PDB file of N, CA and C in Angstrom:
ATOM      1  N   MET A   1     -36.972  20.072  56.808  1.00  0.00           N
ATOM      2  CA  MET A   1     -36.360  19.949  54.966  1.00  0.00           C
ATOM      3  C   MET A   1     -36.676  21.094  53.704  1.00  0.00           C
ATOM      4  N   ASN A   2     -35.974  21.799  53.176  1.00  0.00           N
ATOM      5  CA  ASN A   2     -36.387  22.503  52.823  1.00  0.00           C
ATOM      6  C   ASN A   2     -37.245  22.291  51.586  1.00  0.00           C
ATOM      7  N   ASP A   3     -37.734  22.699  50.255  1.00  0.00           N
ATOM      8  CA  ASP A   3     -38.145  21.710  49.210  1.00  0.00           C
ATOM      9  C   ASP A   3     -37.025  22.229  48.176  1.00  0.00           C
ATOM     10  N   SER A   4     -35.910  22.813  47.949  1.00  0.00           N
ATOM     11  CA  SER A   4     -35.141  22.408  46.761  1.00  0.00           C
ATOM     12  C   SER A   4     -34.705  21.233  47.961  1.00  0.00           C
ATOM     13  N   MET A   5     -34.258  20.889  48.766  1.00  0.00           N
ATOM     14  CA  MET A   5     -33.268  19.904  49.468  1.00  0.00           C
ATOM     15  C   MET A   5     -33.373  18.233  48.686  1.00  0.00           C
ATOM     16  N   LYS A   6     -35.134  17.984  48.338  1.00  0.00           N
ATOM     17  CA  LYS A   6     -35.710  16.833  47.294  1.00  0.00           C
ATOM     18  C   LYS A   6     -34.908  16.611  46.618  1.00  0.00           C
ATOM     19  N   GLU A   7     -34.217  16.969  45.542  1.00  0.00           N
ATOM     20  CA  GLU A   7     -32.888  17.017  44.343  1.00  0.00           C
ATOM     21  C   GLU A   7     -31.586  16.161  45.189  1.00  0.00           C
ATOM     22  N   TYR A   8     -31.248  17.312  46.208  1.00  0.00           N
ATOM     23  CA  TYR A   8     -29.904  16.931  46.652  1.00  0.00           C
ATOM     24  C   TYR A   8     -30.249  15.436  47.607  1.00  0.00           C
ATOM     25  N   VAL A   9     -31.664  14.963  48.103  1.00  0.00           N
ATOM     26  CA  VAL A   9     -30.911  13.713  49.159  1.00  0.00           C
ATOM     27  C   VAL A   9     -31.374  13.453  47.879  1.00  0.00           C
ATOM     28  N   ALA A  10     -32.152  13.214  46.994  1.00  0.00           N
ATOM     29  CA  ALA A  10     -32.116  11.421  45.649  1.00  0.00           C
ATOM     30  C   ALA A  10     -30.718  11.590  45.587  1.00  0.00           C
ATOM     31  N   SER A  11     -29.739  12.988  45.013  1.00  0.00           N
ATOM     32  CA  SER A  11     -29.115  12.833  44.566  1.00  0.00           C
ATOM     33  C   SER A  11     -28.174  11.847  45.433  1.00  0.00           C
ATOM     34  N   GLU A  12     -27.629  12.033  46.687  1.00  0.00           N
ATOM     35  CA  GLU A  12     -26.610  11.518  47.281  1.00  0.00           C
ATOM     36  C   GLU A  12     -27.188  10.556  47.411  1.00  0.00           C
ATOM     37  N   ILE A  13     -28.775   9.796  47.835  1.00  0.00           N
ATOM     38  CA  ILE A  13     -28.595   8.232  47.385  1.00  0.00           C
ATOM     39  C   ILE A  13     -28.549   7.954  46.594  1.00  0.00           C
ATOM     40  N   VAL A  14     -28.627   8.073  45.293  1.00  0.00           N
ATOM     41  CA  VAL A  14     -27.896   7.710  44.129  1.00  0.00           C
ATOM     42  C   VAL A  14     -26.387   7.514  44.513  1.00  0.00           C
ATOM     43  N   LYS A  15     -26.039   8.285  44.424  1.00  0.00           N
ATOM     44  CA  LYS A  15     -24.557   8.191  44.712  1.00  0.00           C
ATOM     45  C   LYS A  15     -23.780   7.334  45.764  1.00  0.00           C
ATOM     46  N   LYS A  16     -24.440   7.343  46.333  1.00  0.00           N
ATOM     47  CA  LYS A  16     -24.010   5.741  47.167  1.00  0.00           C
ATOM     48  C   LYS A  16     -24.320   4.685  47.057  1.00  0.00           C
ATOM     49  N   MET A  17     -24.739   4.325  46.038  1.00  0.00           N
ATOM     50  CA  MET A  17     -25.703   3.324  45.500  1.00  0.00           C
ATOM     51  C   MET A  17     -24.646   2.644  44.848  1.00  0.00           C
ATOM     52  N   ILE A  18     -24.334   4.275  43.832  1.00  0.00           N
ATOM     53  CA  ILE A  18     -22.667   4.149  43.017  1.00  0.00           C
ATOM     54  C   ILE A  18     -22.251   3.480  44.027  1.00  0.00           C
ATOM     55  N   LYS A  19     -21.408   4.327  44.594  1.00  0.00           N
ATOM     56  CA  LYS A  19     -20.029   3.527  44.945  1.00  0.00           C
ATOM     57  C   LYS A  19     -19.843   2.518  45.700  1.00  0.00           C
ATOM     58  N   GLN A  20     -21.266   1.848  45.773  1.00  0.00           N
ATOM     59  CA  GLN A  20     -21.830   0.040  45.811  1.00  0.00           C
ATOM     60  C   GLN A  20     -21.983  -0.097  45.738  1.00  0.00           C
ATOM     61  N   ARG A  21     -22.379   0.665  43.777  1.00  0.00           N
ATOM     62  CA  ARG A  21     -21.724  -0.652  43.106  1.00  0.00           C
ATOM     63  C   ARG A  21     -23.372  -1.159  42.535  1.00  0.00           C
ATOM     64  N   ILE A  22     -24.617  -0.962  42.917  1.00  0.00           N
ATOM     65  CA  ILE A  22     -25.741  -0.820  43.013  1.00  0.00           C
ATOM     66  C   ILE A  22     -25.880  -0.302  41.618  1.00  0.00           C
ATOM     67  N   GLN A  23     -27.435  -1.347  40.597  1.00  0.00           N
ATOM     68  CA  GLN A  23     -27.521  -0.870  39.375  1.00  0.00           C
ATOM     69  C   GLN A  23     -28.844   0.214  39.851  1.00  0.00           C
ATOM     70  N   VAL A  24     -28.424   1.269  39.813  1.00  0.00           N
ATOM     71  CA  VAL A  24     -29.750   2.161  40.013  1.00  0.00           C
ATOM     72  C   VAL A  24     -30.480   1.827  39.184  1.00  0.00           C
ATOM     73  N   LYS A  25     -30.954   2.444  37.625  1.00  0.00           N
ATOM     74  CA  LYS A  25     -31.932   2.258  37.428  1.00  0.00           C
ATOM     75  C   LYS A  25     -32.767   0.702  37.634  1.00  0.00           C
ATOM     76  N   GLY A  26     -33.960   0.640  37.503  1.00  0.00           N
ATOM     77  CA  GLY A  26     -34.569  -0.973  38.289  1.00  0.00           C
ATOM     78  C   GLY A  26     -34.326  -1.035  39.941  1.00  0.00           C
ATOM     79  N   SER A  27     -33.614  -0.028  40.375  1.00  0.00           N
ATOM     80  CA  SER A  27     -33.337  -0.621  41.574  1.00  0.00           C
ATOM     81  C   SER A  27     -34.460  -0.845  42.268  1.00  0.00           C
ATOM     82  N   ASN A  28     -34.372  -1.600  43.258  1.00  0.00           N
ATOM     83  CA  ASN A  28     -35.954  -1.357  44.645  1.00  0.00           C
ATOM     84  C   ASN A  28     -35.202  -0.694  45.722  1.00  0.00           C
ATOM     85  N   ILE A  29     -36.438   0.804  45.677  1.00  0.00           N
ATOM     86  CA  ILE A  29     -35.467   1.621  46.726  1.00  0.00           C
ATOM     87  C   ILE A  29     -36.900   1.132  48.465  1.00  0.00           C
ATOM     88  N   LEU A  30     -36.735   0.658  49.307  1.00  0.00           N
ATOM     89  CA  LEU A  30     -38.237   1.933  50.304  1.00  0.00           C
ATOM     90  C   LEU A  30     -37.486   2.628  50.766  1.00  0.00           C
ATOM     91  N   VAL A  31     -38.959   3.009  51.238  1.00  0.00           N
ATOM     92  CA  VAL A  31     -39.140   4.791  52.408  1.00  0.00           C
ATOM     93  C   VAL A  31     -39.037   4.110  53.315  1.00  0.00           C
ATOM     94  N   LEU A  32     -38.658   3.908  54.156  1.00  0.00           N
ATOM     95  CA  LEU A  32     -39.556   3.927  55.012  1.00  0.00           C
ATOM     96  C   LEU A  32     -39.760   5.492  56.780  1.00  0.00           C
ATOM     97  N   GLY A  33     -41.759   5.852  56.188  1.00  0.00           N
ATOM     98  CA  GLY A  33     -42.054   6.313  57.036  1.00  0.00           C
ATOM     99  C   GLY A  33     -42.362   7.244  55.561  1.00  0.00           C
ATOM    100  N   ILE A  34     -43.402   8.198  55.819  1.00  0.00           N
ATOM    101  CA  ILE A  34     -44.298   9.144  54.536  1.00  0.00           C
ATOM    102  C   ILE A  34     -44.626  10.379  55.312  1.00  0.00           C
ATOM    103  N   THR A  35     -44.806  10.225  56.702  1.00  0.00           N
ATOM    104  CA  THR A  35     -46.245  10.841  57.562  1.00  0.00           C
ATOM    105  C   THR A  35     -44.992  12.229  57.853  1.00  0.00           C
ATOM    106  N   PHE A  36     -45.612  13.779  58.166  1.00  0.00           N
ATOM    107  CA  PHE A  36     -44.873  14.830  58.039  1.00  0.00           C
ATOM    108  C   PHE A  36     -43.773  14.493  59.714  1.00  0.00           C
ATOM    109  N   LYS A  37     -43.687  14.079  60.903  1.00  0.00           N
ATOM    110  CA  LYS A  37     -42.976  13.701  61.587  1.00  0.00           C
ATOM    111  C   LYS A  37     -43.223  11.760  62.369  1.00  0.00           C
ATOM    112  N   GLU A  38     -42.469  12.273  63.240  1.00  0.00           N
ATOM    113  CA  GLU A  38     -42.441  10.630  62.941  1.00  0.00           C
ATOM    114  C   GLU A  38     -43.572  10.015  64.133  1.00  0.00           C
ATOM    115  N   ASN A  39     -43.764   9.111  64.323  1.00  0.00           N
ATOM    116  CA  ASN A  39     -45.100   7.972  65.678  1.00  0.00           C
ATOM    117  C   ASN A  39     -45.991   9.258  65.687  1.00  0.00           C
ATOM    118  N   CYS A  40     -47.280   9.823  64.488  1.00  0.00           N
ATOM    119  CA  CYS A  40     -47.698  10.491  64.413  1.00  0.00           C
ATOM    120  C   CYS A  40     -48.252  10.444  62.711  1.00  0.00           C
ATOM    121  N   PRO A  41     -49.435  10.295  62.672  1.00  0.00           N
ATOM    122  CA  PRO A  41     -50.148   9.501  61.450  1.00  0.00           C
ATOM    123  C   PRO A  41     -49.922  11.366  60.260  1.00  0.00           C
ATOM    124  N   ASP A  42     -50.191  11.958  60.320  1.00  0.00           N
ATOM    125  CA  ASP A  42     -50.988  13.407  59.778  1.00  0.00           C
ATOM    126  C   ASP A  42     -49.588  13.341  58.580  1.00  0.00           C
ATOM    127  N   ILE A  43     -50.111  13.164  57.215  1.00  0.00           N
ATOM    128  CA  ILE A  43     -49.221  13.498  56.166  1.00  0.00           C
ATOM    129  C   ILE A  43     -49.281  14.961  55.737  1.00  0.00           C
ATOM    130  N   ARG A  44     -49.446  15.822  56.743  1.00  0.00           N
ATOM    131  CA  ARG A  44     -49.558  17.180  55.450  1.00  0.00           C
ATOM    132  C   ARG A  44     -48.642  17.969  55.176  1.00  0.00           C
ATOM    133  N   ASN A  45     -47.960  18.079  54.281  1.00  0.00           N
ATOM    134  CA  ASN A  45     -46.438  18.772  54.392  1.00  0.00           C
ATOM    135  C   ASN A  45     -45.694  18.019  54.230  1.00  0.00           C
ATOM    136  N   SER A  46     -46.218  16.865  54.153  1.00  0.00           N
ATOM    137  CA  SER A  46     -45.140  16.094  54.213  1.00  0.00           C
ATOM    138  C   SER A  46     -43.395  16.090  53.173  1.00  0.00           C
ATOM    139  N   LYS A  47     -42.236  16.298  53.356  1.00  0.00           N
ATOM    140  CA  LYS A  47     -41.434  16.291  52.370  1.00  0.00           C
ATOM    141  C   LYS A  47     -40.778  15.774  51.976  1.00  0.00           C
ATOM    142  N   VAL A  48     -41.614  13.527  51.962  1.00  0.00           N
ATOM    143  CA  VAL A  48     -40.946  12.980  52.233  1.00  0.00           C
ATOM    144  C   VAL A  48     -41.453  12.206  51.026  1.00  0.00           C
ATOM    145  N   VAL A  49     -42.879  12.727  50.124  1.00  0.00           N
ATOM    146  CA  VAL A  49     -43.224  12.626  48.410  1.00  0.00           C
ATOM    147  C   VAL A  49     -41.940  13.488  47.763  1.00  0.00           C
ATOM    148  N   ASP A  50     -41.716  14.241  48.305  1.00  0.00           N
ATOM    149  CA  ASP A  50     -40.585  15.104  46.942  1.00  0.00           C
ATOM    150  C   ASP A  50     -39.542  14.666  46.918  1.00  0.00           C
ATOM    151  N   VAL A  51     -39.338  13.702  48.301  1.00  0.00           N
ATOM    152  CA  VAL A  51     -38.198  12.466  48.085  1.00  0.00           C
ATOM    153  C   VAL A  51     -38.061  11.795  47.508  1.00  0.00           C
ATOM    154  N   VAL A  52     -39.638  11.055  47.651  1.00  0.00           N
ATOM    155  CA  VAL A  52     -40.679   9.709  46.802  1.00  0.00           C
ATOM    156  C   VAL A  52     -40.016  10.189  45.255  1.00  0.00           C
ATOM    157  N   ARG A  53     -40.598  11.742  44.867  1.00  0.00           N
ATOM    158  CA  ARG A  53     -41.386  11.976  43.457  1.00  0.00           C
ATOM    159  C   ARG A  53     -39.383  12.061  42.903  1.00  0.00           C
ATOM    160  N   ALA A  54     -38.023  12.095  43.788  1.00  0.00           N
ATOM    161  CA  ALA A  54     -37.444  12.545  42.471  1.00  0.00           C
ATOM    162  C   ALA A  54     -36.620  11.430  42.449  1.00  0.00           C
ATOM    163  N   LEU A  55     -36.378  10.622  43.848  1.00  0.00           N
ATOM    164  CA  LEU A  55     -35.591   8.819  43.167  1.00  0.00           C
ATOM    165  C   LEU A  55     -36.606   8.733  42.315  1.00  0.00           C
ATOM    166  N   LYS A  56     -38.071   8.659  41.431  1.00  0.00           N
ATOM    167  CA  LYS A  56     -38.247   8.140  40.791  1.00  0.00           C
ATOM    168  C   LYS A  56     -37.598   8.377  39.150  1.00  0.00           C
ATOM    169  N   GLU A  57     -37.395   9.467  40.132  1.00  0.00           N
ATOM    170  CA  GLU A  57     -36.957  10.615  38.629  1.00  0.00           C
ATOM    171  C   GLU A  57     -35.450   9.317  37.519  1.00  0.00           C
ATOM    172  N   TYR A  58     -34.787   8.441  38.726  1.00  0.00           N
ATOM    173  CA  TYR A  58     -33.958   7.621  38.425  1.00  0.00           C
ATOM    174  C   TYR A  58     -34.646   6.259  37.946  1.00  0.00           C
ATOM    175  N   ASP A  59     -36.391   6.466  37.208  1.00  0.00           N
ATOM    176  CA  ASP A  59     -36.055   5.160  36.693  1.00  0.00           C
ATOM    177  C   ASP A  59     -35.569   3.724  38.304  1.00  0.00           C
ATOM    178  N   THR A  60     -36.544   4.458  39.408  1.00  0.00           N
ATOM    179  CA  THR A  60     -36.127   3.417  40.242  1.00  0.00           C
ATOM    180  C   THR A  60     -37.750   3.242  40.799  1.00  0.00           C
ATOM    181  N   ASN A  61     -37.609   1.708  40.993  1.00  0.00           N
ATOM    182  CA  ASN A  61     -38.649   1.445  41.583  1.00  0.00           C
ATOM    183  C   ASN A  61     -39.067   1.828  43.122  1.00  0.00           C
ATOM    184  N   VAL A  62     -39.311   2.875  44.360  1.00  0.00           N
ATOM    185  CA  VAL A  62     -39.544   3.047  44.832  1.00  0.00           C
ATOM    186  C   VAL A  62     -41.083   2.311  45.830  1.00  0.00           C
ATOM    187  N   ARG A  63     -40.711   1.578  47.064  1.00  0.00           N
ATOM    188  CA  ARG A  63     -41.558   1.598  47.120  1.00  0.00           C
ATOM    189  C   ARG A  63     -41.689   2.430  49.194  1.00  0.00           C
ATOM    190  N   ILE A  64     -42.785   2.301  49.363  1.00  0.00           N
ATOM    191  CA  ILE A  64     -42.614   3.801  50.887  1.00  0.00           C
ATOM    192  C   ILE A  64     -43.734   1.911  51.639  1.00  0.00           C
ATOM    193  N   TYR A  65     -43.094   2.433  53.042  1.00  0.00           N
ATOM    194  CA  TYR A  65     -43.840   1.624  54.514  1.00  0.00           C
ATOM    195  C   TYR A  65     -44.425   2.768  54.917  1.00  0.00           C
ATOM    196  N   ASP A  66     -44.939   2.457  56.039  1.00  0.00           N
ATOM    197  CA  ASP A  66     -45.132   3.223  57.182  1.00  0.00           C
ATOM    198  C   ASP A  66     -46.385   2.562  57.981  1.00  0.00           C
ATOM    199  N   PRO A  67     -46.099   2.829  58.696  1.00  0.00           N
ATOM    200  CA  PRO A  67     -47.443   1.979  59.000  1.00  0.00           C
ATOM    201  C   PRO A  67     -48.645   2.883  60.188  1.00  0.00           C
ATOM    202  N   TRP A  68     -48.295   4.762  60.324  1.00  0.00           N
ATOM    203  CA  TRP A  68     -49.160   5.056  60.765  1.00  0.00           C
ATOM    204  C   TRP A  68     -50.264   6.023  60.308  1.00  0.00           C
ATOM    205  N   ALA A  69     -49.629   6.049  58.435  1.00  0.00           N
ATOM    206  CA  ALA A  69     -49.910   6.850  57.649  1.00  0.00           C
ATOM    207  C   ALA A  69     -51.646   6.104  57.237  1.00  0.00           C
ATOM    208  N   ASN A  70     -52.166   6.829  57.123  1.00  0.00           N
ATOM    209  CA  ASN A  70     -53.555   5.638  56.297  1.00  0.00           C
ATOM    210  C   ASN A  70     -52.830   6.056  54.579  1.00  0.00           C
ATOM    211  N   GLN A  71     -53.512   4.335  54.759  1.00  0.00           N
ATOM    212  CA  GLN A  71     -53.103   4.234  52.839  1.00  0.00           C
ATOM    213  C   GLN A  71     -54.419   4.593  52.296  1.00  0.00           C
ATOM    214  N   GLU A  72     -55.699   5.256  51.786  1.00  0.00           N
ATOM    215  CA  GLU A  72     -56.346   5.586  51.688  1.00  0.00           C
ATOM    216  C   GLU A  72     -56.174   7.164  50.876  1.00  0.00           C
ATOM    217  N   GLU A  73     -55.128   7.281  52.513  1.00  0.00           N
ATOM    218  CA  GLU A  73     -55.124   9.105  51.975  1.00  0.00           C
ATOM    219  C   GLU A  73     -53.694   9.692  51.555  1.00  0.00           C
ATOM    220  N   VAL A  74     -52.596   8.587  51.556  1.00  0.00           N
ATOM    221  CA  VAL A  74     -52.181   8.484  51.099  1.00  0.00           C
ATOM    222  C   VAL A  74     -52.187   8.505  49.718  1.00  0.00           C
ATOM    223  N   LYS A  75     -52.757   7.402  48.940  1.00  0.00           N
ATOM    224  CA  LYS A  75     -52.872   7.820  47.652  1.00  0.00           C
ATOM    225  C   LYS A  75     -54.524   8.074  47.006  1.00  0.00           C
ATOM    226  N   HIS A  76     -55.227   9.533  48.262  1.00  0.00           N
ATOM    227  CA  HIS A  76     -55.984  10.716  47.679  1.00  0.00           C
ATOM    228  C   HIS A  76     -55.662  12.025  47.569  1.00  0.00           C
ATOM    229  N   GLU A  77     -53.739  11.858  48.117  1.00  0.00           N
ATOM    230  CA  GLU A  77     -53.421  13.298  48.361  1.00  0.00           C
ATOM    231  C   GLU A  77     -52.474  12.883  47.465  1.00  0.00           C
ATOM    232  N   TYR A  78     -51.916  12.377  47.646  1.00  0.00           N
ATOM    233  CA  TYR A  78     -50.189  12.105  47.058  1.00  0.00           C
ATOM    234  C   TYR A  78     -50.302  11.153  45.455  1.00  0.00           C
ATOM    235  N   GLY A  79     -51.281  10.476  45.310  1.00  0.00           N
ATOM    236  CA  GLY A  79     -50.856   9.294  44.260  1.00  0.00           C
ATOM    237  C   GLY A  79     -50.339   7.858  44.596  1.00  0.00           C
ATOM    238  N   LEU A  80     -49.520   8.006  45.795  1.00  0.00           N
ATOM    239  CA  LEU A  80     -48.972   7.188  45.984  1.00  0.00           C
ATOM    240  C   LEU A  80     -49.209   5.331  47.145  1.00  0.00           C
ATOM    241  N   ASP A  81     -49.041   4.835  47.036  1.00  0.00           N
ATOM    242  CA  ASP A  81     -49.211   3.257  47.508  1.00  0.00           C
ATOM    243  C   ASP A  81     -48.615   2.895  48.177  1.00  0.00           C
ATOM    244  N   VAL A  82     -48.623   2.958  49.712  1.00  0.00           N
ATOM    245  CA  VAL A  82     -48.647   2.391  50.691  1.00  0.00           C
ATOM    246  C   VAL A  82     -48.323   1.031  50.838  1.00  0.00           C
ATOM    247  N   LEU A  83     -47.344   0.125  51.063  1.00  0.00           N
ATOM    248  CA  LEU A  83     -47.119  -1.112  50.927  1.00  0.00           C
ATOM    249  C   LEU A  83     -47.506  -1.921  52.472  1.00  0.00           C
ATOM    250  N   THR A  84     -48.403  -2.559  52.537  1.00  0.00           N
ATOM    251  CA  THR A  84     -49.069  -3.201  53.404  1.00  0.00           C
ATOM    252  C   THR A  84     -48.239  -4.994  53.757  1.00  0.00           C
ATOM    253  N   GLU A  85     -47.556  -5.810  53.337  1.00  0.00           N
ATOM    254  CA  GLU A  85     -47.438  -6.889  53.473  1.00  0.00           C
ATOM    255  C   GLU A  85     -45.682  -7.279  53.456  1.00  0.00           C
ATOM    256  N   LYS A  86     -45.295  -7.928  54.100  1.00  0.00           N
ATOM    257  CA  LYS A  86     -44.432  -8.751  55.548  1.00  0.00           C
ATOM    258  C   LYS A  86     -43.057  -7.659  54.417  1.00  0.00           C
ATOM    259  N   LEU A  87     -42.183  -7.192  54.810  1.00  0.00           N
ATOM    260  CA  LEU A  87     -41.188  -6.603  54.623  1.00  0.00           C
ATOM    261  C   LEU A  87     -40.217  -7.367  54.937  1.00  0.00           C
ATOM    262  N   GLU A  88     -39.964  -8.500  55.780  1.00  0.00           N
ATOM    263  CA  GLU A  88     -39.116  -8.892  55.179  1.00  0.00           C
ATOM    264  C   GLU A  88     -38.112 -10.334  55.057  1.00  0.00           C
ATOM    265  N   GLU A  89     -38.737 -10.350  53.647  1.00  0.00           N
ATOM    266  CA  GLU A  89     -38.933 -11.142  53.071  1.00  0.00           C
ATOM    267  C   GLU A  89     -37.920 -11.233  51.633  1.00  0.00           C
ATOM    268  N   LYS A  90     -38.514  -9.163  52.044  1.00  0.00           N
ATOM    269  CA  LYS A  90     -38.154  -8.850  50.203  1.00  0.00           C
ATOM    270  C   LYS A  90     -36.828  -8.866  50.492  1.00  0.00           C
ATOM    271  N   LEU A  91     -35.547  -8.203  49.310  1.00  0.00           N
ATOM    272  CA  LEU A  91     -34.467  -7.914  49.237  1.00  0.00           C
ATOM    273  C   LEU A  91     -34.716  -6.113  48.641  1.00  0.00           C
ATOM    274  N   PHE A  92     -34.566  -5.495  49.345  1.00  0.00           N
ATOM    275  CA  PHE A  92     -34.145  -3.816  48.438  1.00  0.00           C
ATOM    276  C   PHE A  92     -33.013  -3.451  48.438  1.00  0.00           C
ATOM    277  N   ASP A  93     -32.263  -2.674  47.337  1.00  0.00           N
ATOM    278  CA  ASP A  93     -31.058  -2.575  46.805  1.00  0.00           C
ATOM    279  C   ASP A  93     -30.885  -1.702  47.958  1.00  0.00           C
ATOM    280  N   ALA A  94     -31.895  -0.353  48.132  1.00  0.00           N
ATOM    281  CA  ALA A  94     -31.362   0.582  49.345  1.00  0.00           C
ATOM    282  C   ALA A  94     -32.689   0.826  50.283  1.00  0.00           C
ATOM    283  N   VAL A  95     -31.798   1.514  50.685  1.00  0.00           N
ATOM    284  CA  VAL A  95     -33.366   2.220  52.421  1.00  0.00           C
ATOM    285  C   VAL A  95     -33.129   3.179  52.458  1.00  0.00           C
ATOM    286  N   VAL A  96     -34.321   3.848  52.508  1.00  0.00           N
ATOM    287  CA  VAL A  96     -34.030   5.892  53.232  1.00  0.00           C
ATOM    288  C   VAL A  96     -34.823   5.390  54.446  1.00  0.00           C
ATOM    289  N   MET A  97     -34.221   6.015  55.534  1.00  0.00           N
ATOM    290  CA  MET A  97     -34.997   5.511  56.550  1.00  0.00           C
ATOM    291  C   MET A  97     -35.300   7.665  56.555  1.00  0.00           C
ATOM    292  N   ALA A  98     -36.755   7.922  56.541  1.00  0.00           N
ATOM    293  CA  ALA A  98     -37.006   9.410  56.512  1.00  0.00           C
ATOM    294  C   ALA A  98     -37.598   9.712  57.079  1.00  0.00           C
ATOM    295  N   VAL A  99     -38.651   8.460  58.012  1.00  0.00           N
ATOM    296  CA  VAL A  99     -39.179   9.224  59.869  1.00  0.00           C
ATOM    297  C   VAL A  99     -39.089   8.401  60.464  1.00  0.00           C
ATOM    298  N   ALA A 100     -38.449   8.534  61.781  1.00  0.00           N
ATOM    299  CA  ALA A 100     -38.538   7.264  62.907  1.00  0.00           C
ATOM    300  C   ALA A 100     -39.313   6.872  63.449  1.00  0.00           C
ATOM    301  N   HIS A 101     -40.044   5.691  62.929  1.00  0.00           N
ATOM    302  CA  HIS A 101     -41.347   5.692  63.386  1.00  0.00           C
ATOM    303  C   HIS A 101     -40.642   4.874  65.194  1.00  0.00           C
ATOM    304  N   LYS A 102     -41.238   4.455  65.566  1.00  0.00           N
ATOM    305  CA  LYS A 102     -41.307   3.979  66.443  1.00  0.00           C
ATOM    306  C   LYS A 102     -41.018   2.067  66.345  1.00  0.00           C
ATOM    307  N   GLU A 103     -41.648   2.052  65.422  1.00  0.00           N
ATOM    308  CA  GLU A 103     -41.617   0.583  64.941  1.00  0.00           C
ATOM    309  C   GLU A 103     -40.193   0.191  64.243  1.00  0.00           C
ATOM    310  N   PHE A 104     -39.692   1.500  63.731  1.00  0.00           N
ATOM    311  CA  PHE A 104     -38.910   0.050  62.516  1.00  0.00           C
ATOM    312  C   PHE A 104     -37.919  -0.157  63.363  1.00  0.00           C
ATOM    313  N   LYS A 105     -37.173   0.643  64.924  1.00  0.00           N
ATOM    314  CA  LYS A 105     -36.547   0.462  66.087  1.00  0.00           C
ATOM    315  C   LYS A 105     -35.901  -1.344  65.276  1.00  0.00           C
ATOM    316  N   ASN A 106     -36.790  -2.425  65.225  1.00  0.00           N
ATOM    317  CA  ASN A 106     -36.618  -3.884  65.819  1.00  0.00           C
ATOM    318  C   ASN A 106     -37.655  -4.660  64.110  1.00  0.00           C
ATOM    319  N   LEU A 107     -37.202  -3.656  63.728  1.00  0.00           N
ATOM    320  CA  LEU A 107     -37.607  -3.985  61.893  1.00  0.00           C
ATOM    321  C   LEU A 107     -36.310  -4.683  61.508  1.00  0.00           C
ATOM    322  N   LYS A 108     -36.601  -6.098  60.660  1.00  0.00           N
ATOM    323  CA  LYS A 108     -35.489  -5.841  60.178  1.00  0.00           C
ATOM    324  C   LYS A 108     -35.915  -6.335  58.898  1.00  0.00           C
ATOM    325  N   LEU A 109     -34.663  -5.542  58.370  1.00  0.00           N
ATOM    326  CA  LEU A 109     -34.803  -6.056  56.906  1.00  0.00           C
ATOM    327  C   LEU A 109     -33.855  -6.565  55.982  1.00  0.00           C
ATOM    328  N   ASN A 110     -33.577  -6.544  55.082  1.00  0.00           N
ATOM    329  CA  ASN A 110     -31.930  -7.637  54.384  1.00  0.00           C
ATOM    330  C   ASN A 110     -32.272  -6.494  52.902  1.00  0.00           C
ATOM    331  N   TYR A 111     -31.407  -6.011  53.358  1.00  0.00           N
ATOM    332  CA  TYR A 111     -30.933  -4.732  52.189  1.00  0.00           C
ATOM    333  C   TYR A 111     -29.582  -4.708  51.936  1.00  0.00           C
ATOM    334  N   LYS A 112     -28.812  -3.912  51.016  1.00  0.00           N
ATOM    335  CA  LYS A 112     -27.833  -3.507  50.837  1.00  0.00           C
ATOM    336  C   LYS A 112     -27.089  -2.660  50.627  1.00  0.00           C
ATOM    337  N   ILE A 113     -27.610  -1.120  51.089  1.00  0.00           N
ATOM    338  CA  ILE A 113     -27.660   0.168  51.745  1.00  0.00           C
ATOM    339  C   ILE A 113     -28.856   0.814  52.385  1.00  0.00           C
ATOM    340  N   ILE A 114     -28.574   1.778  53.628  1.00  0.00           N
ATOM    341  CA  ILE A 114     -29.411   2.292  54.656  1.00  0.00           C
ATOM    342  C   ILE A 114     -29.029   3.457  53.724  1.00  0.00           C
ATOM    343  N   TYR A 115     -29.669   4.727  53.920  1.00  0.00           N
ATOM    344  CA  TYR A 115     -29.256   5.497  54.129  1.00  0.00           C
ATOM    345  C   TYR A 115     -30.478   6.501  55.192  1.00  0.00           C
ATOM    346  N   TYR A 116     -29.610   7.491  56.072  1.00  0.00           N
ATOM    347  CA  TYR A 116     -31.335   8.051  56.745  1.00  0.00           C
ATOM    348  C   TYR A 116     -30.600   9.352  56.528  1.00  0.00           C
ATOM    349  N   LEU A 117     -32.172  10.196  56.368  1.00  0.00           N
ATOM    350  CA  LEU A 117     -31.903  11.631  55.972  1.00  0.00           C
ATOM    351  C   LEU A 117     -31.925  12.419  57.159  1.00  0.00           C
ATOM    352  N   ASN A 118     -31.479  11.990  58.256  1.00  0.00           N
ATOM    353  CA  ASN A 118     -30.444  12.928  59.074  1.00  0.00           C
ATOM    354  C   ASN A 118     -29.348  13.121  58.847  1.00  0.00           C
ATOM    355  N   GLU A 119     -29.011  12.133  57.754  1.00  0.00           N
ATOM    356  CA  GLU A 119     -27.680  12.062  57.734  1.00  0.00           C
ATOM    357  C   GLU A 119     -26.516  13.631  56.786  1.00  0.00           C
ATOM    358  N   ILE A 120     -27.994  14.336  56.128  1.00  0.00           N
ATOM    359  CA  ILE A 120     -27.204  15.395  55.609  1.00  0.00           C
ATOM    360  C   ILE A 120     -27.579  16.962  56.705  1.00  0.00           C
TER     361      ILE A 120
END
């Protein structure tokens, strides 16, 4: 994903939410994956961070889950928190599959819509 895609991706997610009549402002969005690529702990040069920041500009509550990323490193490098609690018990307005980690294949989530970054 190139540098100019962050706004496009965020707007596509928001459009999908609006089409489903999901209130964007204050919505709970889960981003799955923040590493540079799947099944790898490297967060350097991750463009997912840009998408997270673009989504936050819509006054959304964006949460990140990535079992491969080091929480302290993500906090230090990007100022973002990575979830550690159980996700199955929460309801998300939208889920963004940003990085295709193998752990996400069997993840059971409760959400209204899902968006795959490879949709664009």
